[in-house]
């Protein structure tokens, strides 16, 4: 799991001080209602696909890139369903400190794209589709929380999306 080059350069200047980053999370559902999850190499937990937005990269483009890089699956973002600033300061093993603004997208499979997940990088041990009532364990606490937020969004009706990409 290589640290993005822009973060490496920033860390050369600021050391381990807190760094504010924009991240994206992908909720991907297939035609059977199954959810795409990856088992993370760093924690061993199952989680939604997420990653860091590169400087100047549109967040919707980031979510497409991250899903493809981590699972090989091609997606289309449909709606921005949540924007959340983390109050939690993440401290990594090397001492780096980070906080995230997470943009969660609801995505569908891209027409004509790859729908068969595979481990596509070193960030995941396994990837796959799972029925919402049969999610694998251990499931990351952050994924449980995000799935709860998605359920609340759906309850409110998808017309209540923060931002629709179907304009």
Protein backbone atom coordinates (compact mmCIF):
# COMPACT_ATOMS: atom_id res chain seq x y z
CA UNK A 1 0.00 0.00 0.00
CA UNK A 2 2.11 2.79 -1.29
CA UNK A 3 1.55 6.24 0.11
CA UNK A 4 0.57 8.64 -2.70
CA UNK A 5 3.54 10.69 -3.88
CA UNK A 6 1.88 14.02 -3.04
CA UNK A 7 1.56 12.91 0.60
CA UNK A 8 5.19 11.79 0.71
CA UNK A 9 6.23 15.26 -0.50
CA UNK A 10 3.98 16.99 2.04
CA UNK A 11 5.33 14.81 4.85
CA UNK A 12 8.87 15.90 3.93
CA UNK A 13 7.77 19.45 4.79
CA UNK A 14 5.41 18.94 7.74
CA UNK A 15 6.70 15.75 9.30
CA UNK A 16 4.10 13.81 11.29
CA UNK A 17 1.85 16.83 12.01
CA UNK A 18 -1.87 16.38 11.31
CA UNK A 19 -2.76 16.40 7.63
CA UNK A 20 -6.32 17.01 6.39
CA UNK A 21 -7.18 14.79 3.39
CA UNK A 22 -10.21 14.23 1.20
CA UNK A 23 -11.21 10.60 0.86
CA UNK A 24 -13.94 8.80 -1.05
CA UNK A 25 -15.97 5.71 -0.19
CA UNK A 26 -17.80 3.58 -2.76
CA UNK A 27 -21.02 1.79 -1.97
CA UNK A 28 -21.36 -0.54 -4.96
CA UNK A 29 -24.39 -2.77 -5.39
CA UNK A 30 -24.90 -5.31 -8.18
CA UNK A 31 -28.18 -6.24 -9.91
CA UNK A 32 -28.83 -8.87 -7.20
CA UNK A 33 -28.50 -6.28 -4.41
CA UNK A 34 -25.14 -7.62 -3.23
CA UNK A 35 -22.53 -5.22 -1.84
CA UNK A 36 -18.91 -5.06 -3.03
CA UNK A 37 -16.43 -5.41 -0.15
CA UNK A 38 -12.72 -5.95 0.19
CA UNK A 39 -10.81 -7.57 3.03
CA UNK A 40 -8.11 -5.04 3.86
CA UNK A 41 -4.49 -6.18 4.02
CA UNK A 42 -3.65 -3.67 6.77
CA UNK A 43 -6.41 -4.66 9.25
CA UNK A 44 -7.83 -7.96 8.00
CA UNK A 45 -11.31 -6.41 8.19
CA UNK A 46 -13.90 -6.36 5.43
CA UNK A 47 -14.75 -2.86 4.24
CA UNK A 48 -16.32 -0.79 1.52
CA UNK A 49 -13.78 0.40 -1.03
CA UNK A 50 -12.26 3.75 -0.08
CA UNK A 51 -9.25 5.84 -0.95
CA UNK A 52 -7.61 9.25 -1.11
CA UNK A 53 -8.46 11.98 -3.58
CA UNK A 54 -5.42 13.08 -5.61
CA UNK A 55 -4.82 16.85 -5.95
CA UNK A 56 -7.04 18.26 -8.70
CA UNK A 57 -8.89 14.96 -9.20
CA UNK A 58 -12.69 15.10 -9.24
CA UNK A 59 -14.04 12.98 -6.36
CA UNK A 60 -16.34 11.01 -8.71
CA UNK A 61 -13.27 10.15 -10.79
CA UNK A 62 -11.43 9.13 -7.61
CA UNK A 63 -14.17 6.69 -6.64
CA UNK A 64 -14.10 5.06 -10.10
CA UNK A 65 -10.29 4.80 -9.94
CA UNK A 66 -10.20 3.39 -6.42
CA UNK A 67 -12.80 0.69 -7.12
CA UNK A 68 -10.98 -0.35 -10.30
CA UNK A 69 -7.54 -0.31 -8.60
CA UNK A 70 -8.67 -2.35 -5.60
CA UNK A 71 -11.21 -4.76 -7.10
CA UNK A 72 -10.96 -4.63 -10.91
CA UNK A 73 -14.67 -3.72 -11.05
CA UNK A 74 -15.85 -0.86 -13.28
CA UNK A 75 -18.44 1.46 -11.71
CA UNK A 76 -20.39 4.62 -12.35
CA UNK A 77 -21.08 6.94 -9.41
CA UNK A 78 -24.81 7.71 -9.20
CA UNK A 79 -25.13 9.98 -6.18
CA UNK A 80 -23.09 11.61 -3.46
CA UNK A 81 -24.94 10.26 -0.43
CA UNK A 82 -22.90 11.62 2.45
CA UNK A 83 -20.22 14.17 3.28
CA UNK A 84 -18.64 13.68 6.67
CA UNK A 85 -15.69 15.25 8.42
CA UNK A 86 -13.96 12.87 10.77
CA UNK A 87 -13.36 14.11 14.28
CA UNK A 88 -11.03 11.17 14.79
CA UNK A 89 -7.31 11.79 14.37
CA UNK A 90 -5.78 8.70 12.74
CA UNK A 91 -2.23 8.03 13.87
CA UNK A 92 -0.35 5.56 11.69
CA UNK A 93 2.42 3.21 12.85
CA UNK A 94 5.09 5.59 11.51
CA UNK A 95 3.63 8.49 13.57
CA UNK A 96 1.87 10.29 10.69
CA UNK A 97 -1.38 11.96 11.81
CA UNK A 98 -4.35 12.40 9.49
CA UNK A 99 -7.98 13.46 9.51
CA UNK A 100 -10.36 12.89 6.61
CA UNK A 101 -13.29 14.49 4.87
CA UNK A 102 -15.12 11.44 3.50
CA UNK A 103 -17.33 11.69 0.42
CA UNK A 104 -19.49 8.58 0.10
CA UNK A 105 -20.87 7.71 -3.32
CA UNK A 106 -23.58 5.25 -4.26
CA UNK A 107 -22.36 3.49 -7.41
CA UNK A 108 -23.67 1.02 -9.97
CA UNK A 109 -21.82 -1.29 -12.28
CA UNK A 110 -20.64 0.40 -15.46
CA UNK A 111 -22.48 -0.87 -18.50
CA UNK A 112 -20.15 -3.16 -20.46
CA UNK A 113 -17.48 -2.96 -17.76
CA UNK A 114 -15.96 -5.63 -15.55
CA UNK A 115 -18.32 -6.88 -12.83
CA UNK A 116 -16.21 -9.79 -11.56
CA UNK A 117 -14.19 -8.68 -8.53
CA UNK A 118 -10.58 -9.77 -8.11
CA UNK A 119 -7.76 -8.70 -5.84
CA UNK A 120 -6.21 -6.02 -8.03
CA UNK A 121 -3.57 -4.48 -5.73
CA UNK A 122 -1.77 -5.02 -2.44
CA UNK A 123 -4.45 -3.22 -0.37
CA UNK A 124 -6.82 -6.21 -0.32
CA UNK A 125 -6.51 -9.85 0.69
CA UNK A 126 -9.89 -10.81 -0.80
CA UNK A 127 -12.75 -9.06 -2.58
CA UNK A 128 -16.29 -10.13 -3.35
CA UNK A 129 -20.02 -9.54 -3.50
CA UNK A 130 -22.07 -10.10 -0.34
CA UNK A 131 -25.77 -10.11 0.45
CA UNK A 132 -26.59 -7.25 2.87
CA UNK A 133 -27.96 -9.77 5.38
CA UNK A 134 -24.85 -11.98 5.15
CA UNK A 135 -21.90 -9.60 5.40
CA UNK A 136 -18.54 -11.19 6.26
CA UNK A 137 -16.74 -10.79 9.57
CA UNK A 138 -14.80 -9.08 10.80
CA UNK A 139 -16.57 -6.08 9.30
CA UNK A 140 -14.82 -2.74 9.86
CA UNK A 141 -16.65 -0.46 12.31
CA UNK A 142 -16.35 2.38 9.76
CA UNK A 143 -18.16 0.21 7.20
CA UNK A 144 -20.95 -0.60 9.66
CA UNK A 145 -21.35 3.12 10.32
CA UNK A 146 -21.32 3.98 6.60
CA UNK A 147 -23.89 1.27 5.82
CA UNK A 148 -26.08 2.73 8.57
CA UNK A 149 -25.76 6.17 6.98
CA UNK A 150 -26.67 4.69 3.60
CA UNK A 151 -29.75 3.00 5.08
CA UNK A 152 -30.86 6.35 6.54
CA UNK A 153 -30.30 8.02 3.16
CA UNK A 154 -32.39 5.36 1.45
CA UNK A 155 -35.13 5.70 4.06
CA UNK A 156 -35.29 9.41 3.30
CA UNK A 157 -35.62 8.54 -0.40
CA UNK A 158 -32.90 8.72 -3.02
CA UNK A 159 -34.40 12.03 -4.17
CA UNK A 160 -32.83 13.41 -1.00
CA UNK A 161 -29.30 12.74 -2.29
CA UNK A 162 -26.83 15.48 -1.46
CA UNK A 163 -25.79 15.56 -5.09
CA UNK A 164 -27.01 13.57 -8.07
CA UNK A 165 -24.76 12.69 -10.97
CA UNK A 166 -27.74 12.08 -13.25
CA UNK A 167 -28.19 15.79 -14.02
